[in-house]
Amino acid sequence: MTLRFATDVSTAQTQYGTVLLDQRTGDYWELNPTGALVVRTLMDDGDEAAAITALVAQFDIDRDRAEQDVAALVRDLRTAGLVS
């Protein structure tokens, strides 16, 4: 499942990860490097399985935890209306 940010969401890369700004509300989200990797993978035509594999490969995290983290992040981004 490829994610796309809503048209009113701006992104910026920082030394700590990625910052998302919801221009409709003025709210912003700061994604740490693991969250940034998940979002980048999903936006580059990857699916959740690809994001999980990327997390396990790049960070010291087991597959079960990676699955939980990816599902939670996607759910939170959708709930906030930041992605489609």
Protein backbone atom coordinates (compact mmCIF):
# COMPACT_ATOMS: atom_id res chain seq x y z
CA MET A 1 0.00 0.00 0.00
CA THR A 2 1.58 3.23 -1.14
CA LEU A 3 0.97 6.27 1.04
CA ARG A 4 0.56 9.80 -0.22
CA PHE A 5 0.58 12.88 1.97
CA ALA A 6 -2.48 15.10 1.85
CA THR A 7 -1.96 18.23 -0.27
CA ASP A 8 -1.89 20.39 2.87
CA VAL A 9 0.99 18.46 4.46
CA SER A 10 4.54 19.76 4.13
CA THR A 11 7.64 17.73 4.97
CA ALA A 12 11.17 18.64 5.93
CA GLN A 13 14.17 16.44 6.63
CA THR A 14 16.14 17.23 9.78
CA GLN A 15 19.16 15.67 11.42
CA TYR A 16 16.72 13.89 13.75
CA GLY A 17 14.29 12.48 11.17
CA THR A 18 11.38 14.05 9.31
CA VAL A 19 8.98 16.81 10.33
CA LEU A 20 5.44 16.87 8.97
CA LEU A 21 3.37 20.08 9.08
CA ASP A 22 -0.40 19.94 8.68
CA GLN A 23 -1.06 23.37 7.19
CA ARG A 24 -4.80 23.05 7.85
CA THR A 25 -4.36 22.90 11.62
CA GLY A 26 -0.82 24.13 12.25
CA ASP A 27 -0.01 20.82 13.96
CA TYR A 28 3.30 19.19 13.29
CA TRP A 29 4.68 15.73 13.79
CA GLU A 30 8.32 14.83 14.27
CA LEU A 31 9.21 11.37 12.99
CA ASN A 32 12.36 9.82 14.40
CA PRO A 33 14.71 7.99 12.00
CA THR A 34 12.70 4.75 12.22
CA GLY A 35 9.42 6.53 11.50
CA ALA A 36 11.05 8.45 8.66
CA LEU A 37 12.30 5.18 7.15
CA VAL A 38 8.83 3.65 7.33
CA VAL A 39 7.18 6.66 5.70
CA ARG A 40 9.87 6.92 3.01
CA THR A 41 9.51 3.22 2.18
CA LEU A 42 5.72 3.42 1.98
CA MET A 43 5.80 6.55 -0.14
CA ASP A 44 8.31 5.01 -2.55
CA ASP A 45 5.70 2.46 -3.66
CA GLY A 46 6.57 0.04 -0.88
CA ASP A 47 4.07 -1.83 1.23
CA GLU A 48 3.98 -2.50 4.94
CA ALA A 49 5.99 -5.71 4.50
CA ALA A 50 8.76 -3.74 2.76
CA ALA A 51 8.75 -1.16 5.57
CA ILE A 52 9.00 -3.92 8.19
CA THR A 53 11.90 -5.53 6.33
CA ALA A 54 13.67 -2.15 6.05
CA LEU A 55 13.31 -1.54 9.80
CA VAL A 56 14.67 -4.96 10.71
CA ALA A 57 17.59 -4.55 8.29
CA GLN A 58 18.60 -1.06 9.38
CA PHE A 59 17.83 -1.00 13.10
CA ASP A 60 18.26 -3.37 16.01
CA ILE A 61 14.61 -4.40 16.17
CA ASP A 62 12.87 -7.77 15.92
CA ARG A 63 10.26 -8.46 13.26
CA ASP A 64 7.29 -8.62 15.67
CA ARG A 65 8.12 -5.21 17.11
CA ALA A 66 8.66 -3.79 13.62
CA GLU A 67 5.22 -5.05 12.54
CA GLN A 68 3.58 -3.38 15.54
CA ASP A 69 5.44 -0.11 14.98
CA VAL A 70 4.62 0.08 11.27
CA ALA A 71 0.93 -0.67 11.87
CA ALA A 72 0.73 1.94 14.66
CA LEU A 73 2.43 4.65 12.61
CA VAL A 74 0.24 4.07 9.56
CA ARG A 75 -2.88 4.07 11.75
CA ASP A 76 -1.85 7.31 13.47
CA LEU A 77 -1.05 9.07 10.18
CA ARG A 78 -4.40 8.01 8.71
CA THR A 79 -6.32 9.02 11.86
CA ALA A 80 -4.70 12.44 11.75
CA GLY A 81 -5.71 12.82 8.09
CA LEU A 82 -2.11 13.30 6.98
CA VAL A 83 -2.04 10.49 4.40
CA SER A 84 -4.28 8.68 2.00
